[in-house]
N, C-alpha and C. Protein backbone atom coordinates (compact mmCIF):
# COMPACT_ATOMS: atom_id res chain seq x y z
N UNK A 1 -49.39 14.50 54.73
CA UNK A 1 -50.47 13.68 54.22
C UNK A 1 -51.67 14.57 53.92
N UNK A 2 -52.27 14.33 52.80
CA UNK A 2 -53.48 15.05 52.45
C UNK A 2 -54.25 14.21 51.43
N UNK A 3 -55.40 14.71 51.01
CA UNK A 3 -56.20 13.98 50.03
C UNK A 3 -56.25 14.77 48.74
N UNK A 4 -56.42 14.03 47.65
CA UNK A 4 -56.46 14.65 46.33
C UNK A 4 -57.63 14.05 45.57
N UNK A 5 -58.24 14.84 44.71
CA UNK A 5 -59.38 14.33 43.94
C UNK A 5 -58.91 13.90 42.55
N UNK A 6 -59.43 12.79 42.03
CA UNK A 6 -59.00 12.28 40.73
C UNK A 6 -59.61 13.05 39.56
N UNK A 7 -59.08 12.73 38.38
CA UNK A 7 -59.58 13.35 37.15
C UNK A 7 -60.97 12.82 36.82
N UNK A 8 -61.66 13.51 35.93
CA UNK A 8 -62.95 13.03 35.42
C UNK A 8 -62.74 11.70 34.72
N UNK A 9 -63.69 10.78 34.76
CA UNK A 9 -65.00 10.85 35.38
C UNK A 9 -65.03 10.27 36.80
N UNK A 10 -63.85 10.04 37.41
CA UNK A 10 -63.81 9.41 38.73
C UNK A 10 -64.04 10.43 39.84
N UNK A 11 -64.44 9.90 41.01
CA UNK A 11 -64.71 10.75 42.15
C UNK A 11 -64.28 10.01 43.41
N UNK A 12 -63.38 10.61 44.19
CA UNK A 12 -62.91 10.00 45.43
C UNK A 12 -62.03 11.00 46.16
N UNK A 13 -61.57 10.61 47.35
CA UNK A 13 -60.55 11.36 48.08
C UNK A 13 -59.35 10.43 48.23
N UNK A 14 -58.40 10.52 47.32
CA UNK A 14 -57.23 9.65 47.32
C UNK A 14 -56.18 10.18 48.30
N UNK A 15 -55.58 9.28 49.08
CA UNK A 15 -54.60 9.66 50.09
C UNK A 15 -53.22 9.79 49.44
N UNK A 16 -52.59 10.94 49.58
CA UNK A 16 -51.26 11.17 49.03
C UNK A 16 -50.40 11.85 50.10
N UNK A 17 -49.08 11.79 49.90
CA UNK A 17 -48.14 12.40 50.84
C UNK A 17 -46.99 13.04 50.08
N UNK A 18 -46.50 14.17 50.60
CA UNK A 18 -45.29 14.79 50.06
C UNK A 18 -44.11 14.14 50.78
N UNK A 19 -43.16 13.61 50.00
CA UNK A 19 -42.03 12.87 50.56
C UNK A 19 -40.74 13.54 50.13
N UNK A 20 -39.84 13.78 51.09
CA UNK A 20 -38.51 14.31 50.75
C UNK A 20 -37.56 13.13 50.64
N UNK A 21 -36.95 12.98 49.45
CA UNK A 21 -36.03 11.88 49.20
C UNK A 21 -34.66 12.16 49.82
N UNK A 22 -33.81 11.13 49.86
CA UNK A 22 -32.48 11.30 50.46
C UNK A 22 -31.61 12.26 49.66
N UNK A 23 -31.91 12.44 48.37
CA UNK A 23 -31.14 13.39 47.57
C UNK A 23 -31.70 14.81 47.64
N UNK A 24 -32.72 15.03 48.48
CA UNK A 24 -33.25 16.37 48.70
C UNK A 24 -34.45 16.74 47.87
N UNK A 25 -34.76 15.94 46.84
CA UNK A 25 -35.93 16.24 46.00
C UNK A 25 -37.20 15.89 46.75
N UNK A 26 -38.23 16.71 46.59
CA UNK A 26 -39.52 16.45 47.24
C UNK A 26 -40.52 16.02 46.18
N UNK A 27 -41.13 14.84 46.39
CA UNK A 27 -42.08 14.30 45.41
C UNK A 27 -43.40 14.00 46.11
N UNK A 28 -44.45 13.87 45.32
CA UNK A 28 -45.76 13.47 45.83
C UNK A 28 -45.95 12.00 45.55
N UNK A 29 -46.32 11.22 46.56
CA UNK A 29 -46.48 9.79 46.37
C UNK A 29 -47.83 9.34 46.93
N UNK A 30 -48.34 8.26 46.35
CA UNK A 30 -49.67 7.74 46.68
C UNK A 30 -49.57 6.74 47.82
N UNK A 31 -50.55 6.74 48.71
CA UNK A 31 -50.62 5.79 49.82
C UNK A 31 -51.70 4.77 49.47
N UNK A 32 -51.32 3.55 49.02
CA UNK A 32 -52.34 2.57 48.62
C UNK A 32 -53.00 1.90 49.82
N UNK A 33 -54.15 1.28 49.58
CA UNK A 33 -54.84 0.51 50.61
C UNK A 33 -55.79 1.36 51.44
N UNK A 34 -56.55 0.66 52.30
CA UNK A 34 -57.55 1.31 53.13
C UNK A 34 -56.94 1.66 54.47
N UNK A 35 -56.90 2.95 54.80
CA UNK A 35 -56.34 3.41 56.07
C UNK A 35 -54.82 3.38 56.08
N UNK A 36 -54.22 4.25 56.89
CA UNK A 36 -52.76 4.25 57.05
C UNK A 36 -52.40 4.87 58.39
N UNK A 37 -51.15 4.66 58.82
CA UNK A 37 -50.70 5.17 60.11
C UNK A 37 -49.63 6.24 59.97
N UNK A 38 -49.47 6.81 58.78
CA UNK A 38 -48.38 7.74 58.53
C UNK A 38 -48.65 9.10 59.17
N UNK A 39 -47.57 9.68 59.72
CA UNK A 39 -47.65 11.02 60.30
C UNK A 39 -46.59 11.90 59.66
N UNK A 40 -46.43 13.11 60.17
CA UNK A 40 -45.62 14.09 59.46
C UNK A 40 -44.17 13.69 59.23
N UNK A 41 -43.50 13.11 60.21
CA UNK A 41 -42.08 12.79 60.06
C UNK A 41 -41.83 11.29 59.90
N UNK A 42 -42.79 10.56 59.38
CA UNK A 42 -42.62 9.13 59.15
C UNK A 42 -41.59 8.89 58.05
N UNK A 43 -40.79 7.83 58.22
CA UNK A 43 -39.81 7.43 57.20
C UNK A 43 -40.46 6.34 56.36
N UNK A 44 -40.49 6.53 55.04
CA UNK A 44 -41.16 5.57 54.17
C UNK A 44 -40.24 5.16 53.02
N UNK A 45 -40.55 4.02 52.43
CA UNK A 45 -39.86 3.53 51.24
C UNK A 45 -40.82 3.72 50.07
N UNK A 46 -40.33 4.29 48.96
CA UNK A 46 -41.23 4.50 47.83
C UNK A 46 -40.73 3.73 46.62
N UNK A 47 -41.66 3.42 45.72
CA UNK A 47 -41.35 2.76 44.47
C UNK A 47 -41.96 3.58 43.35
N UNK A 48 -41.51 3.34 42.14
CA UNK A 48 -42.08 4.02 40.99
C UNK A 48 -43.45 3.46 40.66
N UNK A 49 -44.17 4.14 39.81
CA UNK A 49 -45.49 3.68 39.41
C UNK A 49 -46.50 4.78 39.58
N UNK A 50 -47.04 5.27 38.49
CA UNK A 50 -47.97 6.38 38.58
C UNK A 50 -49.37 5.90 38.96
N UNK A 51 -50.20 6.86 39.34
CA UNK A 51 -51.61 6.62 39.59
C UNK A 51 -52.34 7.28 38.44
N UNK A 52 -53.06 6.47 37.66
CA UNK A 52 -53.56 6.95 36.38
C UNK A 52 -54.54 8.11 36.50
N UNK A 53 -55.34 8.15 37.57
CA UNK A 53 -56.33 9.23 37.64
C UNK A 53 -55.91 10.39 38.57
N UNK A 54 -54.66 10.40 39.02
CA UNK A 54 -54.15 11.53 39.81
C UNK A 54 -53.00 12.19 39.06
N UNK A 55 -53.20 13.38 38.53
CA UNK A 55 -52.14 14.04 37.76
C UNK A 55 -50.92 14.37 38.63
N UNK A 56 -49.73 14.10 38.10
CA UNK A 56 -48.49 14.48 38.77
C UNK A 56 -48.00 13.54 39.84
N UNK A 57 -48.70 12.44 40.08
CA UNK A 57 -48.28 11.49 41.11
C UNK A 57 -47.64 10.29 40.42
N UNK A 58 -46.31 10.14 40.62
CA UNK A 58 -45.55 9.13 39.88
C UNK A 58 -44.94 8.07 40.78
N UNK A 59 -45.24 8.11 42.08
CA UNK A 59 -44.63 7.17 43.02
C UNK A 59 -45.68 6.58 43.95
N UNK A 60 -45.40 5.37 44.46
CA UNK A 60 -46.23 4.70 45.46
C UNK A 60 -45.40 4.50 46.72
N UNK A 61 -46.03 4.60 47.88
CA UNK A 61 -45.39 4.24 49.14
C UNK A 61 -45.55 2.73 49.32
N UNK A 62 -44.47 2.04 49.71
CA UNK A 62 -44.52 0.60 49.92
C UNK A 62 -45.04 0.34 51.33
N UNK A 63 -46.18 -0.33 51.43
CA UNK A 63 -46.79 -0.63 52.72
C UNK A 63 -46.05 -1.77 53.41
N UNK A 64 -46.00 -1.74 54.74
CA UNK A 64 -45.38 -2.82 55.52
C UNK A 64 -43.88 -2.68 55.68
N UNK A 65 -43.29 -1.55 55.29
CA UNK A 65 -41.85 -1.33 55.48
C UNK A 65 -41.63 -0.04 56.26
N UNK A 66 -40.52 -0.01 57.01
CA UNK A 66 -40.14 1.16 57.81
C UNK A 66 -41.31 1.63 58.68
N UNK A 67 -41.73 2.88 58.57
CA UNK A 67 -42.80 3.39 59.44
C UNK A 67 -44.20 3.13 58.90
N UNK A 68 -44.31 2.59 57.69
CA UNK A 68 -45.63 2.35 57.09
C UNK A 68 -46.10 0.94 57.43
N UNK A 69 -47.25 0.84 58.10
CA UNK A 69 -47.77 -0.47 58.47
C UNK A 69 -48.52 -1.09 57.29
N UNK A 70 -48.70 -2.42 57.36
CA UNK A 70 -49.48 -3.11 56.34
C UNK A 70 -50.96 -2.81 56.50
N UNK A 71 -51.74 -3.16 55.50
CA UNK A 71 -53.18 -2.93 55.55
C UNK A 71 -53.82 -3.99 56.45
N UNK A 72 -54.67 -3.57 57.37
CA UNK A 72 -55.33 -4.50 58.29
C UNK A 72 -56.41 -5.31 57.58
N UNK A 73 -56.62 -6.55 58.03
CA UNK A 73 -57.72 -7.42 57.57
C UNK A 73 -57.72 -7.62 56.07
N UNK A 74 -56.55 -7.72 55.47
CA UNK A 74 -56.43 -7.94 54.03
C UNK A 74 -56.27 -9.43 53.79
N UNK A 75 -57.13 -10.04 52.95
CA UNK A 75 -57.08 -11.48 52.68
C UNK A 75 -56.43 -11.79 51.35
N UNK A 76 -56.79 -11.06 50.31
CA UNK A 76 -56.24 -11.32 48.97
C UNK A 76 -55.29 -10.21 48.57
N UNK A 77 -54.31 -10.54 47.75
CA UNK A 77 -53.33 -9.56 47.30
C UNK A 77 -52.53 -8.99 48.45
N UNK A 78 -52.25 -9.83 49.47
CA UNK A 78 -51.57 -9.33 50.68
C UNK A 78 -50.17 -8.81 50.40
N UNK A 79 -49.47 -9.43 49.45
CA UNK A 79 -48.08 -9.04 49.21
C UNK A 79 -47.97 -7.60 48.70
N UNK A 80 -49.01 -7.11 48.05
CA UNK A 80 -48.98 -5.73 47.55
C UNK A 80 -49.20 -4.71 48.65
N UNK A 81 -49.72 -5.14 49.80
CA UNK A 81 -50.09 -4.21 50.86
C UNK A 81 -49.38 -4.50 52.17
N UNK A 82 -48.37 -5.38 52.17
CA UNK A 82 -47.56 -5.63 53.36
C UNK A 82 -48.28 -6.26 54.51
N UNK A 83 -49.28 -7.10 54.22
CA UNK A 83 -50.07 -7.74 55.27
C UNK A 83 -49.53 -9.13 55.56
N UNK A 84 -49.38 -9.47 56.85
CA UNK A 84 -48.93 -10.80 57.24
C UNK A 84 -50.05 -11.81 57.03
N UNK A 85 -49.66 -13.10 56.92
CA UNK A 85 -50.64 -14.16 56.73
C UNK A 85 -51.48 -14.32 57.99
N UNK A 86 -52.81 -14.31 57.88
CA UNK A 86 -53.65 -14.47 59.08
C UNK A 86 -53.57 -15.89 59.62
N UNK A 87 -53.82 -16.04 60.93
CA UNK A 87 -53.71 -17.34 61.60
C UNK A 87 -54.71 -18.36 61.08
N UNK A 88 -55.92 -17.93 60.73
CA UNK A 88 -56.99 -18.85 60.36
C UNK A 88 -56.78 -19.58 59.05
N UNK A 89 -55.87 -19.11 58.21
CA UNK A 89 -55.71 -19.72 56.88
C UNK A 89 -54.57 -20.72 56.90
């Protein structure tokens, strides 16, 4: 896991991870959402889909599956971030 800076004119520290696939290829994938619990040997599920302002990143990590937890305190768009339905709603 490390951070990458986007292309002009954007400015941020985007969270990305190098992932080794089951076929042995190593790819760089984006970690969506605020905060994550991933560590060096975490097992993750990835999907296609590039990040427009990060060159060379063509995959997303699916949150809420395997070792990747869902985003905490997420109210809207929960299905995209693997968040369970809160009790209050």
